Protein backbone atom coordinates (compact mmCIF):
# COMPACT_ATOMS: atom_id res chain seq x y z
CA MET A 1 98.55 117.56 98.09
CA THR A 2 96.44 116.44 100.96
CA ILE A 3 95.23 112.93 101.62
CA MET A 4 93.34 112.65 104.89
CA VAL A 5 93.10 109.10 106.22
CA ALA A 6 90.84 107.60 108.87
CA ARG A 7 91.17 104.03 110.17
CA ASP A 8 88.15 102.06 111.37
CA ASP A 9 89.31 98.92 113.17
CA ARG A 10 85.79 97.61 113.73
CA ARG A 11 85.07 97.68 109.99
CA ARG A 12 88.68 96.79 109.05
CA ARG A 13 88.83 99.73 106.68
CA PHE A 14 90.77 102.87 105.82
CA THR A 15 88.97 105.80 104.26
CA ALA A 16 91.19 108.25 102.41
CA ILE A 17 90.01 111.56 101.00
CA GLY A 18 92.20 113.32 98.49
CA GLN A 19 92.05 117.10 98.19
CA GLY A 20 93.97 119.60 96.13
CA ALA A 21 96.43 118.59 93.45
CA LEU A 22 97.68 114.99 93.53
CA ASP A 23 100.41 113.77 91.21
CA ALA A 24 102.03 110.38 90.61
CA THR A 25 104.65 110.99 93.33
CA ASP A 26 101.90 111.67 95.89
CA ILE A 27 100.06 108.50 94.92
CA LEU A 28 103.22 106.36 95.09
CA ALA A 29 104.05 107.71 98.56
CA PHE A 30 100.49 107.06 99.71
CA MET A 31 100.62 103.47 98.41
CA SER A 32 103.86 102.85 100.32
CA SER A 33 102.69 104.28 103.62
CA LEU A 34 99.19 102.86 104.06
CA ARG A 35 98.13 99.39 105.21
CA VAL A 36 101.42 98.26 106.67
CA VAL A 37 102.05 95.24 108.90
CA ASP A 38 98.82 94.36 110.78
CA PHE A 39 96.67 96.49 108.49
CA ARG A 40 97.48 94.88 105.12
CA SER A 41 94.14 93.06 104.97
CA TYR A 42 92.12 96.21 105.68
CA ALA A 43 90.00 97.55 102.86
CA LEU A 44 90.65 100.99 101.39
CA LEU A 45 88.05 103.43 100.18
CA PHE A 46 89.92 106.25 98.40
CA ASP A 47 87.67 109.16 97.47
CA PHE A 48 89.40 111.58 95.13
CA THR A 49 86.33 113.49 93.93
CA ALA A 50 87.64 116.70 95.56
CA ALA A 51 91.16 116.30 94.15
CA THR A 52 92.76 117.47 90.96
CA ILE A 53 94.67 114.47 89.63
CA ASP A 54 97.84 115.30 87.70
CA VAL A 55 98.42 111.75 86.44
CA THR A 56 98.33 110.55 82.85
CA ALA A 57 97.99 107.12 81.29
CA ASP A 58 101.79 107.16 80.89
CA HIS A 59 102.15 107.13 84.70
CA LEU A 60 99.91 104.10 85.22
CA PRO A 61 102.46 101.35 84.44
CA LEU A 62 104.78 102.87 87.07
CA ILE A 63 101.94 103.00 89.63
CA VAL A 64 100.92 99.40 88.85
CA ALA A 65 104.56 98.23 89.12
CA HIS A 66 104.97 100.07 92.42
CA GLY A 67 101.86 98.36 93.81
CA ALA A 68 103.27 94.99 92.75
CA ALA A 69 106.59 95.78 94.46
CA VAL A 70 104.81 96.77 97.69
CA ARG A 71 102.79 93.53 97.62
CA ALA A 72 105.95 91.50 96.96
CA ALA A 73 107.66 93.09 99.97
CA ASP A 74 104.70 93.39 102.36
CA GLY A 75 102.26 90.68 101.26
CA PRO A 76 98.72 90.72 99.87
CA ARG A 77 96.42 93.63 100.57
CA GLY A 78 92.70 94.04 101.16
CA PRO A 79 90.19 95.26 98.57
CA VAL A 80 90.39 98.78 97.14
CA ALA A 81 87.49 100.99 96.09
CA LEU A 82 88.37 104.18 94.20
CA VAL A 83 85.76 106.93 93.96
CA GLY A 84 85.94 109.67 91.36
CA THR A 85 83.53 111.59 89.19
CA ARG A 86 85.45 114.11 87.12
CA PRO A 87 85.56 113.33 83.41
CA GLY A 88 88.96 112.07 82.40
CA VAL A 89 89.92 111.18 85.98
CA TYR A 90 87.21 108.53 86.26
CA GLU A 91 88.31 107.03 82.93
CA LEU A 92 91.94 107.10 84.07
CA ALA A 93 90.97 105.27 87.26
CA ARG A 94 89.10 102.68 85.18
CA LEU A 95 92.23 102.16 83.06
CA TYR A 96 94.23 101.67 86.26
CA GLU A 97 91.59 99.17 87.41
CA THR A 98 92.09 97.23 84.18
CA LEU A 99 95.90 97.31 84.34
CA ALA A 100 96.02 96.35 88.04
CA GLY A 101 93.22 93.77 87.84
CA LEU A 102 95.39 90.71 87.55
CA PRO A 103 93.82 87.41 88.67
CA ASP A 104 96.14 86.98 91.66
CA LEU A 105 95.28 90.37 93.20
CA PRO A 106 92.49 91.13 95.62
CA ALA A 107 89.72 93.18 94.09
CA LEU A 108 90.09 96.74 92.91
CA ARG A 109 87.05 98.62 91.64
CA VAL A 110 86.23 102.17 90.56
CA PHE A 111 82.95 103.85 91.49
CA ARG A 112 81.23 107.16 90.89
CA THR A 113 79.76 107.39 94.42
CA ARG A 114 80.97 106.59 97.93
CA GLU A 115 77.70 104.78 98.60
CA GLU A 116 78.36 102.29 95.79
CA ALA A 117 81.96 101.85 96.94
CA ASP A 118 80.87 101.32 100.54
CA LEU A 119 78.35 98.62 99.62
CA TRP A 120 80.90 96.81 97.47
CA LEU A 121 83.52 96.87 100.25
CA GLN A 122 80.99 95.51 102.73
CA ARG A 123 80.34 92.58 100.38
CA GLU A 124 84.07 92.03 99.84
CA LEU A 125 84.92 91.97 103.55
CA GLY A 126 81.86 90.08 104.69
CA PRO A 127 79.50 90.56 107.65
CA SER A 128 82.18 91.82 110.07
CA SER A 129 82.60 94.99 107.99
CA HIS A 130 79.00 96.18 108.38
CA GLN A 131 78.23 98.98 110.75
CA GLY A 132 76.09 98.08 113.66
CA PRO A 133 75.72 98.30 117.43
């Protein structure tokens, strides 16, 4: 598993790109390690179009519960945009979106392109997240 992460302080955003095989353990570790302390409010764009996801619908309640435990310990987080295109994986991400989309959570959305995800995150974070001089 490989998840490459870049942080952009000006845009208040992390961009993560998953490559290779990712399983539930990889995703749980990633959720625990990113956006800690001063970076909790940063947005996350997670592009897993190049990854093979070895997660089933049976894993999703555990992943949702883990996210809730991290939020309980570390506080609220910024918006999350997931990008995936492979059949089955996109639908799984949409199911996760539904399960994790509780009213008291910041937004989580699934997209088929990074461009759509980027535009949505810009709207979620407001004018300070736009690229510019």
